[in-house]
Amino acid sequence: MTRYGLLTAIGAGALALLLILFGFTGSTQKTPTQRTNDAADIRGQATASDFAQQFVIAWLEAKLGEESTLASFVRTDGLRLPDEAAFTVSDARVASIEESRPARTSGSAPAADGAPVRDDRRIYTVTVSASVSDPRQTKPSERRYFSVPVVITDGGARAASIPSPVPSPSIGADVSLGYRYRVGPSHPVTTAVQQFLAAVTSGEGEVSRYITPGTNLRAITPPPYAGVTVLDLVSDRDFTGDTAASAPSEGRKTRVLATVDLAVSDRQSTTAQYPLTLTARGGRWEVSALDTYPLLPVQKSAPAVGSPGTSPTSAVTPTAAGTPAPAN
């Protein structure tokens, strides 16, 4: 019995090995992966955006007798158009887009097998902004906004209704920044920023001289400005007590926001701002990054309403090094 059992085990192992080699396993056969929701969202958004822009332009510029032009976008039953084109449109673009799934109504019946009905439609509410002007008037064009519900199916894009004029997006509150200290004009950090931006914007010197090795920062070519001057520099570090001879510790970092004056010509200039990260190396400051956005303060959790022993707190914004500064 022992011999037979051993032979049976060996045979079962060999059979299993053959099944694996020839692909006859008990696991479910894999099917090609369908497109992900993310890919579907990107494609649907692109289609809906382009469709909505074209629809808004065609609708605003349409006149009586051109209903067939709009029929490719939406049902035109009951649509009224002016005798002459009321508007001219330019610079149409998407201001916002929001996706939603169609809800099943209470009377929707399930499939014959009792399974819920699958709805593959995607609805995108697209807000299109455009410069609109009245050709009968001489006043400049106005920026106006229109909402378009676009339904995407396997058959293509279609508007669920005619565009709706809507208000412009609301303007948010000012953004507070996380730079707490002002850096003096003679500080080595200010000097490093001045030299770097002069090389980047006006071609004064080589950018490689002012950046950390391995940093991929280049000058604008050809240089668009005649010169640059740092007007103000704020930092996340307090440099109080530093002197021009003070050497920063190796690897020390600071994030700054430079407000600069860019000279367009001898008489004209414009203001710009650069968020930068600087790193100390070899006793001097070098630019190690052109930040994609300014430093924001860390948000603190608000105390629970009515909690004992709590009271509202206010953020302190710096002015000069080590002292409160004007709020950004």
Protein backbone atom coordinates (compact mmCIF):
# COMPACT_ATOMS: atom_id res chain seq x y z
CA MET A 1 0.00 0.00 0.00
CA THR A 2 2.88 2.31 0.80
CA ARG A 3 4.43 1.57 -2.59
CA TYR A 4 1.14 2.17 -4.41
CA GLY A 5 0.57 5.41 -2.52
CA LEU A 6 4.04 6.69 -3.41
CA LEU A 7 3.57 5.82 -7.08
CA THR A 8 0.16 7.53 -7.11
CA ALA A 9 1.64 10.72 -5.63
CA ILE A 10 4.45 10.74 -8.19
CA GLY A 11 1.96 10.23 -11.01
CA ALA A 12 -0.30 13.02 -9.77
CA GLY A 13 2.67 15.37 -9.59
CA ALA A 14 3.73 14.53 -13.14
CA LEU A 15 0.18 15.03 -14.40
CA ALA A 16 -0.03 18.41 -12.67
CA LEU A 17 3.27 19.45 -14.24
CA LEU A 18 1.99 18.53 -17.70
CA LEU A 19 -1.23 20.47 -17.16
CA ILE A 20 0.74 23.55 -16.12
CA LEU A 21 3.09 23.28 -19.10
CA PHE A 22 0.21 23.01 -21.56
CA GLY A 23 -1.84 25.74 -19.87
CA PHE A 24 -4.65 23.48 -18.58
CA THR A 25 -4.84 24.89 -15.08
CA GLY A 26 -7.82 25.20 -12.85
CA SER A 27 -7.53 28.99 -12.69
CA THR A 28 -9.83 31.16 -14.74
CA GLN A 29 -8.41 32.10 -18.10
CA LYS A 30 -7.43 35.77 -18.20
CA THR A 31 -9.17 38.01 -20.67
CA PRO A 32 -7.66 41.15 -22.19
CA THR A 33 -7.86 44.00 -19.73
CA GLN A 34 -10.49 46.54 -20.66
CA ARG A 35 -9.63 50.21 -20.70
CA THR A 36 -9.42 51.69 -17.22
CA ASN A 37 -11.86 54.22 -15.88
CA ASP A 38 -9.10 56.83 -15.90
CA ALA A 39 -8.46 56.30 -19.62
CA ALA A 40 -12.19 56.43 -20.31
CA ASP A 41 -12.52 59.63 -18.30
CA ILE A 42 -9.70 61.37 -20.16
CA ARG A 43 -11.09 60.36 -23.55
CA GLY A 44 -14.63 61.32 -22.59
CA GLN A 45 -13.57 64.68 -21.20
CA ALA A 46 -11.59 65.51 -24.34
CA THR A 47 -14.49 64.56 -26.60
CA ALA A 48 -17.05 66.47 -24.52
CA SER A 49 -14.81 69.55 -24.29
CA ASP A 50 -14.26 69.82 -28.03
CA PHE A 51 -17.93 69.13 -28.76
CA ALA A 52 -19.15 71.79 -26.29
CA GLN A 53 -16.81 74.47 -27.66
CA GLN A 54 -17.97 73.88 -31.22
CA PHE A 55 -21.61 73.85 -30.14
CA VAL A 56 -21.41 77.14 -28.25
CA ILE A 57 -19.77 78.91 -31.20
CA ALA A 58 -22.27 77.53 -33.71
CA TRP A 59 -25.26 78.40 -31.49
CA LEU A 60 -24.15 81.98 -30.79
CA GLU A 61 -23.40 82.75 -34.43
CA ALA A 62 -26.41 80.93 -35.94
CA LYS A 63 -29.27 82.76 -37.64
CA LEU A 64 -32.68 81.92 -39.02
CA GLY A 65 -32.47 79.18 -41.65
CA GLU A 66 -29.35 77.58 -40.14
CA GLU A 67 -31.20 75.17 -37.87
CA SER A 68 -29.68 72.24 -39.76
CA THR A 69 -26.24 73.38 -38.61
CA LEU A 70 -27.29 72.96 -34.98
CA ALA A 71 -29.07 69.67 -35.67
CA SER A 72 -25.69 67.93 -35.60
CA PHE A 73 -25.34 68.96 -31.95
CA VAL A 74 -28.85 68.79 -30.44
CA ARG A 75 -32.52 68.28 -31.24
CA THR A 76 -33.82 71.48 -32.79
CA ASP A 77 -37.54 71.02 -32.09
CA GLY A 78 -38.95 74.39 -31.08
CA LEU A 79 -35.62 76.15 -31.54
CA ARG A 80 -35.88 79.83 -32.51
CA LEU A 81 -33.01 81.74 -34.08
CA PRO A 82 -32.64 85.48 -34.81
CA ASP A 83 -33.06 86.85 -38.32
CA GLU A 84 -29.41 87.91 -38.31
CA ALA A 85 -26.46 86.57 -36.38
CA ALA A 86 -26.62 88.29 -33.00
CA PHE A 87 -23.02 87.69 -31.93
CA THR A 88 -19.52 87.02 -33.13
CA VAL A 89 -17.42 84.65 -31.04
CA SER A 90 -13.68 84.18 -30.55
CA ASP A 91 -11.29 82.49 -28.14
CA ALA A 92 -13.69 79.81 -26.91
CA ARG A 93 -12.21 77.56 -24.25
CA VAL A 94 -13.30 75.17 -21.54
CA ALA A 95 -13.59 76.82 -18.12
CA SER A 96 -14.66 73.70 -16.21
CA ILE A 97 -15.98 70.18 -16.73
CA GLU A 98 -17.83 67.91 -14.35
CA GLU A 99 -18.77 64.27 -14.90
CA SER A 100 -21.86 62.57 -13.52
CA ARG A 101 -23.62 59.28 -14.03
CA PRO A 102 -27.25 59.23 -15.18
CA ALA A 103 -29.57 58.09 -12.39
CA ARG A 104 -32.09 55.34 -13.11
CA THR A 105 -35.68 56.44 -12.75
CA SER A 106 -38.02 54.62 -10.37
CA GLY A 107 -39.84 53.08 -13.34
CA SER A 108 -36.72 51.58 -14.94
CA ALA A 109 -37.19 47.84 -15.39
CA PRO A 110 -34.37 45.33 -14.84
CA ALA A 111 -33.11 43.10 -17.59
CA ALA A 112 -34.96 39.94 -18.58
CA ASP A 113 -32.72 37.82 -16.36
CA GLY A 114 -33.38 40.10 -13.38
CA ALA A 115 -29.93 41.72 -13.44
CA PRO A 116 -29.72 45.51 -13.17
CA VAL A 117 -29.57 47.38 -16.46
CA ARG A 118 -26.09 48.64 -17.26
CA ASP A 119 -25.93 52.28 -18.34
CA ASP A 120 -22.72 53.14 -20.21
CA ARG A 121 -23.61 56.76 -20.84
CA ARG A 122 -21.36 59.46 -19.44
CA ILE A 123 -22.69 62.95 -18.86
CA TYR A 124 -20.26 65.86 -18.81
CA THR A 125 -21.43 69.31 -17.81
CA VAL A 126 -19.03 71.54 -19.70
CA THR A 127 -18.74 75.26 -18.97
CA VAL A 128 -17.37 77.10 -22.00
CA SER A 129 -16.05 80.65 -21.85
CA ALA A 130 -15.81 82.81 -24.96
CA SER A 131 -15.22 86.39 -26.03
CA VAL A 132 -18.60 87.52 -27.35
CA SER A 133 -19.32 90.76 -29.18
CA ASP A 134 -22.34 92.29 -30.89
CA PRO A 135 -21.44 93.18 -34.51
CA ARG A 136 -24.03 96.00 -34.42
CA GLN A 137 -22.25 97.76 -31.56
CA THR A 138 -18.77 99.20 -31.20
CA LYS A 139 -18.17 98.25 -27.56
CA PRO A 140 -15.43 95.69 -26.90
CA SER A 141 -16.18 92.01 -26.57
CA GLU A 142 -17.16 90.53 -23.22
CA ARG A 143 -16.09 87.28 -21.63
CA ARG A 144 -19.22 85.18 -21.21
CA TYR A 145 -19.88 81.67 -19.94
CA PHE A 146 -22.19 78.91 -21.16
CA SER A 147 -23.08 75.52 -19.70
CA VAL A 148 -23.53 72.55 -22.04
CA PRO A 149 -24.60 69.04 -20.92
CA VAL A 150 -22.86 66.56 -23.22
CA VAL A 151 -23.77 62.88 -23.27
CA ILE A 152 -21.03 60.48 -24.41
CA THR A 153 -21.92 57.00 -25.65
CA ASP A 154 -20.23 54.45 -27.86
CA GLY A 155 -22.00 56.15 -30.74
CA GLY A 156 -20.39 59.53 -30.10
CA ALA A 157 -21.23 62.85 -28.43
CA ARG A 158 -24.58 64.59 -28.25
CA ALA A 159 -25.87 67.60 -26.32
CA ALA A 160 -28.79 66.94 -24.00
CA SER A 161 -30.00 70.54 -24.34
CA ILE A 162 -29.19 73.94 -25.84
CA PRO A 163 -26.39 75.93 -24.11
CA SER A 164 -27.37 77.91 -21.01
CA PRO A 165 -25.75 81.30 -20.29
CA VAL A 166 -24.36 81.13 -16.73
CA PRO A 167 -22.45 83.50 -14.40
CA SER A 168 -18.67 83.58 -14.44
CA PRO A 169 -16.85 81.48 -11.80
CA SER A 170 -16.58 83.12 -8.40
CA ILE A 171 -13.27 84.67 -7.36
CA GLY A 172 -11.62 82.97 -4.41
CA ALA A 173 -10.08 84.60 -1.36
CA ASP A 174 -6.46 85.73 -1.33
CA VAL A 175 -3.96 82.92 -0.76
CA SER A 176 -1.73 83.20 2.31
CA LEU A 177 1.88 82.18 1.75
CA GLY A 178 4.32 80.42 4.04
CA TYR A 179 7.28 82.82 3.80
CA ARG A 180 7.65 84.29 7.28
CA TYR A 181 10.75 86.49 7.04
CA ARG A 182 12.08 89.23 4.81
CA VAL A 183 15.66 88.95 3.55
CA GLY A 184 17.76 92.10 3.36
CA PRO A 185 19.08 93.41 0.02
CA SER A 186 22.73 92.84 1.00
CA HIS A 187 22.28 89.27 2.22
CA PRO A 188 24.10 86.51 0.26
CA VAL A 189 20.75 84.82 -0.45
CA THR A 190 19.51 87.97 -2.18
CA THR A 191 22.77 88.24 -4.13
CA ALA A 192 22.46 84.62 -5.29
CA VAL A 193 18.87 85.13 -6.41
CA GLN A 194 19.75 88.36 -8.24
CA GLN A 195 22.61 86.73 -10.15
CA PHE A 196 20.59 83.64 -11.04
CA LEU A 197 17.56 85.57 -12.35
CA ALA A 198 19.77 87.98 -14.29
CA ALA A 199 21.33 85.01 -16.08
CA VAL A 200 17.92 83.40 -16.73
CA THR A 201 15.96 86.44 -17.96
CA SER A 202 18.53 88.83 -19.44
CA GLY A 203 21.52 86.63 -20.32
CA GLU A 204 23.88 88.22 -17.79
CA GLY A 205 26.35 85.44 -17.00
CA GLU A 206 26.05 81.66 -17.17
CA VAL A 207 23.21 80.01 -15.30
CA SER A 208 25.45 77.04 -14.40
CA ARG A 209 27.51 79.32 -12.13
CA TYR A 210 24.58 79.95 -9.81
CA ILE A 211 22.84 76.57 -9.56
CA THR A 212 23.49 73.35 -7.65
CA PRO A 213 25.31 70.74 -9.77
CA GLY A 214 22.83 68.35 -11.37
CA THR A 215 20.04 70.92 -11.37
CA ASN A 216 18.30 71.16 -14.73
CA LEU A 217 17.72 74.91 -15.01
CA ARG A 218 18.39 76.90 -18.17
CA ALA A 219 18.28 80.47 -19.40
CA ILE A 220 15.48 81.82 -21.59
CA THR A 221 16.76 82.11 -25.14
CA PRO A 222 16.86 84.60 -26.59
CA PRO A 223 16.83 86.76 -23.43
CA PRO A 224 13.46 88.59 -23.36
CA TYR A 225 14.45 91.34 -20.90
CA ALA A 226 17.15 93.98 -20.72
CA GLY A 227 17.74 93.53 -16.99
CA VAL A 228 16.28 92.37 -13.70
CA THR A 229 16.24 93.86 -10.19
CA VAL A 230 15.14 92.08 -7.03
CA LEU A 231 12.62 94.39 -5.33
CA ASP A 232 11.69 92.17 -2.41
CA LEU A 233 12.70 88.76 -1.06
CA VAL A 234 10.87 86.74 1.59
CA SER A 235 11.99 83.42 3.04
CA ASP A 236 10.87 80.57 5.27
CA ARG A 237 14.05 81.04 7.37
CA ASP A 238 15.07 83.77 9.76
CA PHE A 239 18.45 85.16 8.72
CA THR A 240 18.64 87.67 11.58
CA GLY A 241 22.22 88.04 12.72
CA ASP A 242 23.73 86.78 9.46
CA THR A 243 26.42 88.96 7.92
CA ALA A 244 27.89 89.05 4.45
CA ALA A 245 30.84 87.06 5.80
CA SER A 246 28.64 84.40 7.42
CA ALA A 247 29.08 81.06 5.65
CA PRO A 248 25.95 78.88 5.68
CA SER A 249 26.24 75.30 6.89
CA GLU A 250 26.65 72.70 4.14
CA GLY A 251 23.37 71.43 2.73
CA ARG A 252 21.20 74.02 4.46
CA LYS A 253 18.08 74.83 2.45
CA THR A 254 15.73 77.79 2.24
CA ARG A 255 12.65 78.55 0.16
CA VAL A 256 12.17 82.10 -1.03
CA LEU A 257 9.80 84.20 -3.10
CA ALA A 258 11.51 86.89 -5.17
CA THR A 259 9.53 89.88 -6.42
CA VAL A 260 11.50 91.34 -9.31
CA ASP A 261 11.35 94.20 -11.78
CA LEU A 262 11.97 93.05 -15.36
CA ALA A 263 13.18 95.78 -17.68
CA VAL A 264 11.44 95.59 -21.06
CA SER A 265 13.21 98.72 -22.36
CA ASP A 266 14.86 101.83 -20.98
CA ARG A 267 11.47 103.22 -19.98
CA GLN A 268 9.23 100.23 -19.48
CA SER A 269 9.30 97.37 -17.01
CA THR A 270 7.02 94.77 -15.51
CA THR A 271 6.82 92.94 -12.19
CA ALA A 272 7.19 89.18 -11.83
CA GLN A 273 7.63 86.72 -8.96
CA TYR A 274 9.80 83.62 -8.70
CA PRO A 275 9.45 80.92 -6.02
CA LEU A 276 12.88 79.33 -5.56
CA THR A 277 14.69 76.81 -3.36
CA LEU A 278 18.33 77.54 -2.47
CA THR A 279 20.89 75.11 -1.02
CA ALA A 280 24.18 75.98 0.68
CA ARG A 281 27.27 74.40 -0.87
CA GLY A 282 30.91 75.30 -0.41
CA GLY A 283 30.10 78.28 1.80
CA ARG A 284 27.70 79.94 -0.64
CA TRP A 285 24.05 79.79 -1.66
CA GLU A 286 23.04 78.15 -4.94
CA VAL A 287 19.64 77.82 -6.61
CA SER A 288 18.60 74.16 -6.51
CA ALA A 289 15.01 74.41 -7.79
CA LEU A 290 12.59 76.72 -9.54
CA ASP A 291 9.52 75.77 -7.51
CA THR A 292 6.30 75.01 -9.35
CA TYR A 293 4.27 77.01 -6.80
CA PRO A 294 5.01 79.28 -3.82
CA LEU A 295 5.32 77.88 -0.31
CA LEU A 296 1.96 77.55 1.44
CA PRO A 297 1.54 77.54 5.22
CA VAL A 298 0.73 74.30 6.99
CA GLN A 299 -2.97 74.20 7.78
CA LYS A 300 -3.88 73.58 11.39
CA SER A 301 -6.95 71.66 12.41
CA ALA A 302 -9.67 73.96 13.68
CA PRO A 303 -10.72 73.34 17.30
CA ALA A 304 -14.08 71.70 17.83
CA VAL A 305 -16.93 74.14 18.25
CA GLY A 306 -17.81 74.53 21.90
CA SER A 307 -14.77 72.65 23.20
CA PRO A 308 -13.72 73.97 26.61
CA GLY A 309 -10.45 75.84 26.83
CA THR A 310 -10.22 76.61 23.11
CA SER A 311 -10.21 79.98 21.42
CA PRO A 312 -9.63 81.19 17.85
CA THR A 313 -5.99 81.81 16.89
CA SER A 314 -4.62 84.12 14.24
CA ALA A 315 -1.65 83.48 12.01
CA VAL A 316 1.35 85.75 12.40
CA THR A 317 2.83 86.96 9.14
CA PRO A 318 6.40 88.36 9.15
CA THR A 319 7.81 91.72 7.94
CA ALA A 320 11.55 92.11 8.29
CA ALA A 321 13.82 89.30 9.39
CA GLY A 322 12.60 88.13 12.75
CA THR A 323 9.64 90.55 12.85
CA PRO A 324 6.07 90.25 11.57
CA ALA A 325 5.78 90.88 7.83
CA PRO A 326 2.83 92.12 5.76
CA ALA A 327 0.31 89.41 4.96
CA ASN A 328 0.54 88.09 1.41
